[in-house]
Amino acid sequence: MQFGITWITAHSDELVLTLRVVPRASKTEVCGEMNGALKIRLQAPPVDGKANKALIGFLAERLDVAPGRIEILAGQTGRNKRVRIQGIGIPQVLAALLPRG
């Protein structure tokens, strides 16, 4: 599977990720790139903000950052999201979210 970094934008001390989120999946995982966005499957349903909370928790755990440093900028109620993460670099994101191999 080929990955680019078109889904990451760097701004001073923060990054903005473009994500495509699929709720109610069988497991939570990063599953590739889709139309310039990183596709993430979440077990959580898209009800009462559960999928957004699950997304923030998943990213915080994988990237080893505090959940308070992650903010959903756009797409609160949709599958296409823009997420800001403070205090992290592109190499750390790539190492944490892309498959090893």
N, C-alpha and C. Protein backbone atom coordinates (compact mmCIF):
# COMPACT_ATOMS: atom_id res chain seq x y z
N MET A 1 0.85 -1.17 0.00
CA MET A 1 0.00 0.00 0.00
C MET A 1 0.89 1.24 0.00
N GLN A 2 0.64 2.15 -0.89
CA GLN A 2 1.46 3.36 -1.04
C GLN A 2 0.83 4.52 -0.28
N PHE A 3 1.65 5.25 0.49
CA PHE A 3 1.19 6.40 1.23
C PHE A 3 1.97 7.64 0.80
N GLY A 4 1.30 8.75 0.72
CA GLY A 4 1.94 10.04 0.52
C GLY A 4 1.71 10.85 1.78
N ILE A 5 2.08 12.10 1.73
CA ILE A 5 1.81 12.93 2.90
C ILE A 5 0.91 14.10 2.52
N THR A 6 0.06 13.91 1.54
CA THR A 6 -0.85 14.97 1.12
C THR A 6 -1.89 15.25 2.19
N TRP A 7 -2.06 14.38 3.15
CA TRP A 7 -3.05 14.54 4.20
C TRP A 7 -2.50 15.25 5.43
N ILE A 8 -1.24 15.71 5.36
CA ILE A 8 -0.63 16.46 6.48
C ILE A 8 -0.25 17.85 5.99
N THR A 9 -0.62 18.86 6.78
CA THR A 9 -0.20 20.23 6.53
C THR A 9 0.48 20.74 7.78
N ALA A 10 1.68 21.29 7.65
CA ALA A 10 2.44 21.80 8.80
C ALA A 10 2.22 23.30 8.94
N HIS A 11 1.98 23.74 10.17
CA HIS A 11 1.85 25.15 10.52
C HIS A 11 2.64 25.37 11.80
N SER A 12 3.66 26.17 11.78
CA SER A 12 4.53 26.49 12.93
C SER A 12 4.68 25.31 13.88
N ASP A 13 3.99 25.29 15.01
CA ASP A 13 4.18 24.23 16.00
C ASP A 13 3.02 23.23 16.03
N GLU A 14 2.29 23.14 14.92
CA GLU A 14 1.17 22.21 14.88
C GLU A 14 1.01 21.63 13.48
N LEU A 15 0.28 20.54 13.41
CA LEU A 15 -0.04 19.89 12.15
C LEU A 15 -1.54 19.81 11.99
N VAL A 16 -1.99 19.83 10.75
CA VAL A 16 -3.40 19.59 10.45
C VAL A 16 -3.48 18.35 9.58
N LEU A 17 -4.26 17.38 10.03
CA LEU A 17 -4.44 16.14 9.29
C LEU A 17 -5.80 16.15 8.62
N THR A 18 -5.85 15.69 7.38
CA THR A 18 -7.11 15.50 6.68
C THR A 18 -7.44 14.03 6.78
N LEU A 19 -8.60 13.73 7.37
CA LEU A 19 -8.96 12.35 7.64
C LEU A 19 -10.31 11.99 7.03
N ARG A 20 -10.46 10.74 6.70
CA ARG A 20 -11.75 10.16 6.29
C ARG A 20 -12.04 9.10 7.34
N VAL A 21 -13.08 9.30 8.13
CA VAL A 21 -13.40 8.43 9.26
C VAL A 21 -14.60 7.55 8.91
N VAL A 22 -14.46 6.27 9.22
CA VAL A 22 -15.54 5.30 8.99
C VAL A 22 -15.95 4.76 10.36
N PRO A 23 -17.11 5.19 10.87
CA PRO A 23 -17.56 4.70 12.17
C PRO A 23 -18.18 3.31 12.05
N ARG A 24 -18.44 2.70 13.20
CA ARG A 24 -19.05 1.37 13.31
C ARG A 24 -18.29 0.30 12.55
N ALA A 25 -16.98 0.37 12.60
CA ALA A 25 -16.13 -0.64 11.96
C ALA A 25 -15.93 -1.81 12.93
N SER A 26 -15.45 -2.91 12.42
CA SER A 26 -15.21 -4.08 13.28
C SER A 26 -14.06 -3.84 14.25
N LYS A 27 -13.10 -2.99 13.86
CA LYS A 27 -12.03 -2.61 14.78
C LYS A 27 -11.51 -1.23 14.42
N THR A 28 -10.88 -0.58 15.39
CA THR A 28 -10.32 0.75 15.18
C THR A 28 -8.92 0.59 14.61
N GLU A 29 -8.70 1.23 13.45
CA GLU A 29 -7.41 1.08 12.79
C GLU A 29 -7.24 2.13 11.69
N VAL A 30 -5.98 2.37 11.34
CA VAL A 30 -5.65 3.16 10.14
C VAL A 30 -5.67 2.17 9.00
N CYS A 31 -6.35 2.52 7.91
CA CYS A 31 -6.45 1.53 6.84
C CYS A 31 -6.05 2.05 5.47
N GLY A 32 -5.35 3.15 5.39
CA GLY A 32 -4.84 3.60 4.11
C GLY A 32 -5.16 5.04 3.80
N GLU A 33 -4.91 5.38 2.56
CA GLU A 33 -5.14 6.73 2.10
C GLU A 33 -6.30 6.70 1.10
N MET A 34 -7.14 7.74 1.13
CA MET A 34 -8.30 7.79 0.25
C MET A 34 -8.51 9.23 -0.20
N ASN A 35 -8.32 9.50 -1.48
CA ASN A 35 -8.55 10.83 -2.04
C ASN A 35 -7.89 11.95 -1.25
N GLY A 36 -6.62 11.79 -0.92
CA GLY A 36 -5.88 12.83 -0.21
C GLY A 36 -6.14 12.90 1.27
N ALA A 37 -6.80 11.90 1.82
CA ALA A 37 -7.07 11.85 3.26
C ALA A 37 -6.60 10.51 3.82
N LEU A 38 -6.22 10.51 5.08
CA LEU A 38 -5.87 9.26 5.75
C LEU A 38 -7.18 8.64 6.25
N LYS A 39 -7.42 7.39 5.90
CA LYS A 39 -8.67 6.72 6.27
C LYS A 39 -8.48 5.98 7.58
N ILE A 40 -9.37 6.27 8.52
CA ILE A 40 -9.33 5.63 9.84
C ILE A 40 -10.69 5.01 10.12
N ARG A 41 -10.69 3.75 10.47
CA ARG A 41 -11.91 3.05 10.87
C ARG A 41 -12.02 3.12 12.39
N LEU A 42 -13.23 3.38 12.87
CA LEU A 42 -13.48 3.45 14.31
C LEU A 42 -14.60 2.49 14.68
N GLN A 43 -14.45 1.81 15.80
CA GLN A 43 -15.52 0.93 16.28
C GLN A 43 -16.70 1.74 16.78
N ALA A 44 -16.47 2.93 17.24
CA ALA A 44 -17.52 3.75 17.85
C ALA A 44 -18.58 4.17 16.84
N PRO A 45 -19.82 4.29 17.29
CA PRO A 45 -20.89 4.76 16.40
C PRO A 45 -20.86 6.28 16.28
N PRO A 46 -21.43 6.81 15.20
CA PRO A 46 -21.45 8.26 15.00
C PRO A 46 -22.64 8.91 15.72
N VAL A 47 -22.78 8.62 17.00
CA VAL A 47 -23.92 9.10 17.78
C VAL A 47 -23.40 9.86 19.00
N ASP A 48 -23.98 11.02 19.26
CA ASP A 48 -23.64 11.81 20.45
C ASP A 48 -22.15 12.09 20.59
N GLY A 49 -21.45 12.26 19.49
CA GLY A 49 -20.03 12.59 19.52
C GLY A 49 -19.12 11.43 19.90
N LYS A 50 -19.65 10.22 19.97
CA LYS A 50 -18.83 9.06 20.37
C LYS A 50 -17.71 8.79 19.39
N ALA A 51 -17.97 8.90 18.10
CA ALA A 51 -16.93 8.65 17.11
C ALA A 51 -15.84 9.73 17.19
N ASN A 52 -16.21 10.97 17.42
CA ASN A 52 -15.21 12.03 17.55
C ASN A 52 -14.34 11.81 18.78
N LYS A 53 -14.95 11.42 19.90
CA LYS A 53 -14.18 11.13 21.11
C LYS A 53 -13.24 9.95 20.87
N ALA A 54 -13.75 8.93 20.19
CA ALA A 54 -12.93 7.75 19.90
C ALA A 54 -11.76 8.13 18.98
N LEU A 55 -12.01 8.99 18.01
CA LEU A 55 -10.95 9.43 17.11
C LEU A 55 -9.86 10.17 17.87
N ILE A 56 -10.25 11.09 18.72
CA ILE A 56 -9.26 11.84 19.51
C ILE A 56 -8.48 10.90 20.41
N GLY A 57 -9.17 9.98 21.06
CA GLY A 57 -8.49 9.01 21.93
C GLY A 57 -7.52 8.12 21.16
N PHE A 58 -7.94 7.66 20.00
CA PHE A 58 -7.09 6.81 19.16
C PHE A 58 -5.83 7.57 18.72
N LEU A 59 -6.03 8.79 18.22
CA LEU A 59 -4.88 9.58 17.77
C LEU A 59 -3.95 9.91 18.94
N ALA A 60 -4.51 10.28 20.08
CA ALA A 60 -3.69 10.61 21.26
C ALA A 60 -2.83 9.42 21.66
N GLU A 61 -3.43 8.24 21.67
CA GLU A 61 -2.69 7.04 22.06
C GLU A 61 -1.61 6.70 21.04
N ARG A 62 -1.97 6.68 19.77
CA ARG A 62 -1.01 6.32 18.72
C ARG A 62 0.14 7.32 18.60
N LEU A 63 -0.19 8.62 18.77
CA LEU A 63 0.82 9.66 18.60
C LEU A 63 1.52 10.03 19.89
N ASP A 64 1.08 9.45 21.00
CA ASP A 64 1.66 9.72 22.32
C ASP A 64 1.62 11.21 22.65
N VAL A 65 0.43 11.80 22.48
CA VAL A 65 0.21 13.20 22.86
C VAL A 65 -1.04 13.26 23.74
N ALA A 66 -1.17 14.31 24.51
CA ALA A 66 -2.34 14.48 25.36
C ALA A 66 -3.57 14.75 24.48
N PRO A 67 -4.71 14.20 24.84
CA PRO A 67 -5.93 14.45 24.06
C PRO A 67 -6.26 15.94 23.94
N GLY A 68 -5.87 16.73 24.91
CA GLY A 68 -6.11 18.17 24.87
C GLY A 68 -5.35 18.89 23.78
N ARG A 69 -4.36 18.24 23.18
CA ARG A 69 -3.58 18.83 22.09
C ARG A 69 -4.19 18.52 20.72
N ILE A 70 -5.30 17.80 20.73
CA ILE A 70 -5.96 17.40 19.48
C ILE A 70 -7.33 18.07 19.42
N GLU A 71 -7.60 18.69 18.27
CA GLU A 71 -8.87 19.39 18.09
C GLU A 71 -9.42 19.11 16.69
N ILE A 72 -10.70 18.81 16.62
CA ILE A 72 -11.35 18.64 15.33
C ILE A 72 -11.75 20.02 14.83
N LEU A 73 -11.10 20.47 13.76
CA LEU A 73 -11.35 21.80 13.21
C LEU A 73 -12.58 21.83 12.31
N ALA A 74 -12.78 20.79 11.56
CA ALA A 74 -13.90 20.73 10.61
C ALA A 74 -14.38 19.29 10.49
N GLY A 75 -15.68 19.14 10.26
CA GLY A 75 -16.24 17.81 10.06
C GLY A 75 -16.78 17.17 11.32
N GLN A 76 -17.22 17.98 12.27
CA GLN A 76 -17.74 17.45 13.53
C GLN A 76 -18.82 16.38 13.32
N THR A 77 -19.66 16.58 12.31
CA THR A 77 -20.77 15.64 12.09
C THR A 77 -20.62 14.84 10.79
N GLY A 78 -19.49 14.96 10.14
CA GLY A 78 -19.28 14.24 8.89
C GLY A 78 -18.14 13.26 8.97
N ARG A 79 -17.94 12.54 7.90
CA ARG A 79 -16.85 11.57 7.84
C ARG A 79 -15.52 12.22 7.44
N ASN A 80 -15.59 13.31 6.69
CA ASN A 80 -14.37 14.02 6.30
C ASN A 80 -14.04 15.04 7.38
N LYS A 81 -12.85 14.92 7.95
CA LYS A 81 -12.48 15.76 9.08
C LYS A 81 -11.11 16.39 8.88
N ARG A 82 -10.94 17.55 9.47
CA ARG A 82 -9.62 18.20 9.58
C ARG A 82 -9.32 18.29 11.06
N VAL A 83 -8.17 17.74 11.46
CA VAL A 83 -7.81 17.64 12.87
C VAL A 83 -6.48 18.33 13.10
N ARG A 84 -6.46 19.24 14.09
CA ARG A 84 -5.22 19.93 14.45
C ARG A 84 -4.58 19.21 15.63
N ILE A 85 -3.25 19.01 15.53
CA ILE A 85 -2.49 18.39 16.61
C ILE A 85 -1.32 19.29 16.92
N GLN A 86 -1.20 19.69 18.17
CA GLN A 86 -0.14 20.60 18.58
C GLN A 86 1.04 19.84 19.17
N GLY A 87 2.24 20.37 18.92
CA GLY A 87 3.44 19.85 19.54
C GLY A 87 3.92 18.51 19.00
N ILE A 88 3.79 18.30 17.72
CA ILE A 88 4.22 17.03 17.11
C ILE A 88 4.75 17.32 15.71
N GLY A 89 5.67 16.50 15.26
CA GLY A 89 6.25 16.69 13.93
C GLY A 89 5.77 15.64 12.94
N ILE A 90 5.99 15.94 11.67
CA ILE A 90 5.57 15.02 10.60
C ILE A 90 6.22 13.64 10.76
N PRO A 91 7.53 13.54 11.04
CA PRO A 91 8.12 12.20 11.17
C PRO A 91 7.45 11.35 12.25
N GLN A 92 7.08 11.97 13.36
CA GLN A 92 6.42 11.24 14.45
C GLN A 92 5.05 10.74 14.01
N VAL A 93 4.32 11.57 13.27
CA VAL A 93 2.99 11.16 12.77
C VAL A 93 3.13 10.01 11.80
N LEU A 94 4.05 10.12 10.86
CA LEU A 94 4.23 9.06 9.87
C LEU A 94 4.63 7.74 10.54
N ALA A 95 5.54 7.81 11.50
CA ALA A 95 5.98 6.60 12.18
C ALA A 95 4.86 5.95 12.99
N ALA A 96 3.98 6.76 13.56
CA ALA A 96 2.91 6.24 14.40
C ALA A 96 1.69 5.76 13.64
N LEU A 97 1.41 6.38 12.49
CA LEU A 97 0.15 6.07 11.80
C LEU A 97 0.30 5.20 10.55
N LEU A 98 1.47 5.13 9.98
CA LEU A 98 1.64 4.33 8.78
C LEU A 98 2.14 2.94 9.13
N PRO A 99 1.78 1.94 8.34
CA PRO A 99 2.19 0.57 8.63
C PRO A 99 3.71 0.42 8.60
N ARG A 100 4.18 -0.41 9.46
CA ARG A 100 5.61 -0.70 9.51
C ARG A 100 5.88 -1.89 8.61
N GLY A 101 7.04 -1.84 7.98
CA GLY A 101 7.32 -3.00 7.14
C GLY A 101 8.36 -2.81 6.15
